[in-house]
Amino acid sequence: MPSSTQAIYALKRLSTVVLLSAPLLLIGCDNNSKLQQIPDFELSEKYAVCLDKKPTSPGKATACENLRRECELRREQLGSFVCRTH
């Protein structure tokens, strides 16, 4: 194949990958909406478990970090902290 044909083929493959990946990236950005729907008390309880157990597995540590961020967002929005700090 001539080089211009290779370039066109590579560009088509790249655009296909981008088009197929875009919805997955957008879905990934919406994960926090479930946290926003959790009542303050439940969020506080779940985050307290994180503080007490200090999970080391990557999945649980990420979940706890997401809970911490949601606690921080609510503190900024409401002016009071709904979750424990220690």
Protein backbone atom coordinates (compact mmCIF):
# COMPACT_ATOMS: atom_id res chain seq x y z
CA MET A 1 0.00 0.00 0.00
CA PRO A 2 1.23 3.51 -0.69
CA SER A 3 1.84 5.69 2.37
CA SER A 4 -1.17 7.97 1.72
CA THR A 5 -3.45 4.92 1.70
CA GLN A 6 -1.92 3.75 4.97
CA ALA A 7 -2.47 7.16 6.51
CA ILE A 8 -6.13 7.20 5.45
CA TYR A 9 -6.64 3.69 6.83
CA ALA A 10 -4.99 4.64 10.14
CA LEU A 11 -7.15 7.77 10.37
CA LYS A 12 -10.32 5.75 9.78
CA ARG A 13 -9.34 3.26 12.48
CA LEU A 14 -8.55 6.09 14.91
CA SER A 15 -11.88 7.82 14.25
CA THR A 16 -13.70 4.51 14.79
CA VAL A 17 -11.96 3.98 18.12
CA VAL A 18 -12.75 7.53 19.22
CA LEU A 19 -16.41 7.23 18.23
CA LEU A 20 -16.80 3.92 20.05
CA SER A 21 -14.96 5.16 23.16
CA ALA A 22 -16.78 8.47 23.56
CA PRO A 23 -20.01 7.01 25.04
CA LEU A 24 -18.01 5.00 27.57
CA LEU A 25 -16.16 8.10 28.69
CA LEU A 26 -19.40 10.03 29.03
CA ILE A 27 -20.97 7.23 31.08
CA GLY A 28 -17.88 7.23 33.31
CA CYS A 29 -18.38 10.92 34.01
CA ASP A 30 -21.88 10.29 35.33
CA ASN A 31 -20.87 7.92 38.16
CA ASN A 32 -21.08 10.64 40.78
CA SER A 33 -24.81 11.17 40.18
CA LYS A 34 -25.59 8.06 42.26
CA LEU A 35 -23.65 9.57 45.15
CA GLN A 36 -25.57 12.81 44.83
CA GLN A 37 -28.81 10.90 45.39
CA ILE A 38 -27.69 9.33 48.68
CA PRO A 39 -29.28 11.01 51.72
CA ASP A 40 -26.88 12.86 54.04
CA PHE A 41 -27.23 10.34 56.85
CA GLU A 42 -26.49 7.36 54.59
CA LEU A 43 -23.49 9.14 53.05
CA SER A 44 -22.21 9.93 56.53
CA GLU A 45 -22.61 6.31 57.64
CA LYS A 46 -20.85 4.90 54.55
CA TYR A 47 -17.96 7.33 54.90
CA ALA A 48 -17.67 6.53 58.62
CA VAL A 49 -17.16 2.86 57.70
CA CYS A 50 -14.35 3.95 55.37
CA LEU A 51 -12.70 5.94 58.13
CA ASP A 52 -13.00 3.07 60.60
CA LYS A 53 -11.90 0.22 58.35
CA LYS A 54 -9.34 2.08 56.18
CA PRO A 55 -9.71 -0.28 53.19
CA THR A 56 -6.59 -1.17 51.23
CA SER A 57 -8.10 -2.86 48.16
CA PRO A 58 -8.03 -0.49 45.16
CA GLY A 59 -11.77 -0.76 44.48
CA LYS A 60 -12.84 0.00 48.03
CA ALA A 61 -10.24 2.74 48.41
CA THR A 62 -11.60 4.40 45.26
CA ALA A 63 -15.16 4.10 46.53
CA CYS A 64 -14.12 5.70 49.82
CA GLU A 65 -12.36 8.50 47.97
CA ASN A 66 -15.54 9.15 45.98
CA LEU A 67 -17.53 9.27 49.21
CA ARG A 68 -15.02 11.74 50.67
CA ARG A 69 -15.36 13.98 47.62
CA GLU A 70 -19.15 13.91 47.88
CA CYS A 71 -18.87 14.85 51.56
CA GLU A 72 -16.63 17.77 50.61
CA LEU A 73 -19.03 18.91 47.88
CA ARG A 74 -21.93 18.90 50.30
CA ARG A 75 -19.89 20.81 52.85
CA GLU A 76 -19.21 23.49 50.24
CA GLN A 77 -22.82 23.57 49.05
CA LEU A 78 -24.54 23.39 52.44
CA GLY A 79 -21.99 25.22 54.56
CA SER A 80 -21.85 22.37 57.07
CA PHE A 81 -20.00 19.09 57.01
CA VAL A 82 -22.33 16.09 56.98
CA CYS A 83 -19.52 13.54 57.36
CA ARG A 84 -17.00 12.80 60.09
CA THR A 85 -13.43 13.93 59.58
CA HIS A 86 -11.62 11.31 61.73
